[in-house]
Amino acid sequence: MTYSYTQISQYLSCPRRYKHRYLDGWKETDTRAAMIFGRVFELAIAAYFQQEDAAAVLYREWAAHRESRLYYSQRDSWDRMLRLEFSCSSALPRTIGFALGNLAAICRSNS
């Protein structure tokens, strides 16, 4: 079994939370639209790297939350976030390239 930093950190901070999440399979329900938006965008990035249609994944996953009772920040709404997602997904290859370039530069400077 492979452990992530997050799993180890969760265990060290609260073994019971670790047990519920990783051993019992409990899922936290998040009502913050921004958090769900981020998870949906991560799925779109994963789809992009698997050479799938990232925009289709993005829309399908975000559409699943249209009727959910989510907490939006002041100016956000489901529709506004969808428009933002699609504007981001059209720039996805450039965004990923930029992020990977920055990560490589950080790694080089730390070695």
Protein backbone atom coordinates (compact mmCIF):
# COMPACT_ATOMS: atom_id res chain seq x y z
CA MET A 1 0.00 0.00 0.00
CA THR A 2 1.22 3.49 -0.84
CA TYR A 3 0.62 6.36 1.55
CA SER A 4 0.43 10.01 0.60
CA TYR A 5 1.62 12.96 2.62
CA THR A 6 -2.03 13.87 3.21
CA GLN A 7 -2.85 10.43 4.61
CA ILE A 8 0.10 10.47 6.99
CA SER A 9 -0.68 14.04 8.05
CA GLN A 10 -4.33 13.14 8.69
CA TYR A 11 -3.31 10.13 10.79
CA LEU A 12 -0.86 12.17 12.86
CA SER A 13 -3.37 14.95 13.47
CA CYS A 14 -6.39 12.70 14.14
CA PRO A 15 -6.18 8.89 13.91
CA ARG A 16 -9.97 8.59 14.16
CA ARG A 17 -10.49 10.89 11.15
CA TYR A 18 -7.92 8.81 9.24
CA LYS A 19 -9.80 5.62 10.11
CA HIS A 20 -13.17 7.03 9.02
CA ARG A 21 -11.84 8.45 5.78
CA TYR A 22 -9.32 5.88 4.56
CA LEU A 23 -10.30 2.63 6.24
CA ASP A 24 -14.08 3.01 6.56
CA GLY A 25 -14.45 4.94 3.29
CA TRP A 26 -16.44 7.88 4.66
CA LYS A 27 -16.63 10.89 2.36
CA GLU A 28 -16.85 14.44 3.58
CA THR A 29 -19.66 16.41 2.04
CA ASP A 30 -18.53 19.83 1.05
CA THR A 31 -21.04 22.54 0.33
CA ARG A 32 -18.53 25.15 -0.83
CA ALA A 33 -18.88 25.65 -4.57
CA ALA A 34 -15.24 26.70 -4.89
CA MET A 35 -14.01 23.39 -3.44
CA ILE A 36 -16.22 21.34 -5.73
CA PHE A 37 -15.21 23.55 -8.65
CA GLY A 38 -11.57 22.74 -7.88
CA ARG A 39 -12.23 19.01 -7.75
CA VAL A 40 -14.10 19.15 -11.05
CA PHE A 41 -11.23 21.05 -12.64
CA GLU A 42 -8.77 18.43 -11.33
CA LEU A 43 -10.87 15.74 -13.04
CA ALA A 44 -10.72 17.74 -16.28
CA ILE A 45 -6.93 17.97 -16.02
CA ALA A 46 -6.74 14.22 -15.44
CA ALA A 47 -8.94 13.67 -18.51
CA TYR A 48 -6.65 15.92 -20.53
CA PHE A 49 -3.60 13.82 -19.61
CA GLN A 50 -5.52 10.63 -20.45
CA GLN A 51 -6.23 12.17 -23.88
CA GLU A 52 -9.95 12.41 -23.21
CA ASP A 53 -12.22 15.37 -23.89
CA ALA A 54 -11.43 17.55 -20.89
CA ALA A 55 -14.23 20.03 -21.67
CA ALA A 56 -16.84 17.24 -21.76
CA VAL A 57 -15.63 15.86 -18.43
CA LEU A 58 -15.65 19.35 -16.98
CA TYR A 59 -19.23 20.03 -18.04
CA ARG A 60 -20.54 16.59 -17.03
CA GLU A 61 -19.00 16.73 -13.57
CA TRP A 62 -20.03 20.34 -12.88
CA ALA A 63 -23.55 19.72 -14.25
CA ALA A 64 -23.99 17.02 -11.59
CA HIS A 65 -23.89 19.80 -8.99
CA ARG A 66 -26.35 22.20 -10.64
CA GLU A 67 -29.22 21.40 -8.24
CA SER A 68 -27.01 20.89 -5.19
CA ARG A 69 -27.31 23.24 -2.28
CA LEU A 70 -23.90 24.86 -2.52
CA TYR A 71 -22.46 27.89 -0.82
CA TYR A 72 -21.20 30.41 -3.39
CA SER A 73 -18.99 33.39 -2.67
CA GLN A 74 -20.40 36.87 -3.21
CA ARG A 75 -20.27 37.15 -7.00
CA ASP A 76 -20.31 33.47 -7.95
CA SER A 77 -23.14 31.32 -9.22
CA TRP A 78 -23.33 27.93 -10.91
CA ASP A 79 -23.56 29.57 -14.35
CA ARG A 80 -20.73 32.03 -13.75
CA MET A 81 -18.44 29.25 -12.56
CA LEU A 82 -19.34 27.15 -15.61
CA ARG A 83 -18.38 30.02 -17.91
CA LEU A 84 -15.13 30.42 -16.00
CA GLU A 85 -14.42 26.69 -16.26
CA PHE A 86 -14.87 26.70 -20.02
CA SER A 87 -12.69 29.76 -20.45
CA CYS A 88 -10.05 27.98 -18.34
CA SER A 89 -10.42 24.68 -20.16
CA SER A 90 -9.77 26.32 -23.52
CA ALA A 91 -6.46 27.49 -22.08
CA LEU A 92 -5.81 24.17 -20.32
CA PRO A 93 -2.75 23.09 -22.34
CA ARG A 94 -1.10 26.50 -21.82
CA THR A 95 -2.02 26.51 -18.10
CA ILE A 96 -0.63 23.01 -17.54
CA GLY A 97 2.56 23.85 -19.42
CA PHE A 98 3.03 26.99 -17.32
CA ALA A 99 2.44 25.10 -14.06
CA LEU A 100 4.84 22.30 -15.01
CA GLY A 101 7.46 24.84 -16.08
CA ASN A 102 7.22 26.59 -12.71
CA LEU A 103 7.43 23.27 -10.87
CA ALA A 104 10.55 22.29 -12.83
CA ALA A 105 12.17 25.66 -12.04
CA ILE A 106 11.42 25.23 -8.32
CA CYS A 107 12.88 21.72 -8.35
CA ARG A 108 16.04 22.95 -10.11
CA SER A 109 16.51 25.80 -7.64
CA ASN A 110 16.13 23.44 -4.66
CA SER A 111 18.68 20.91 -5.90
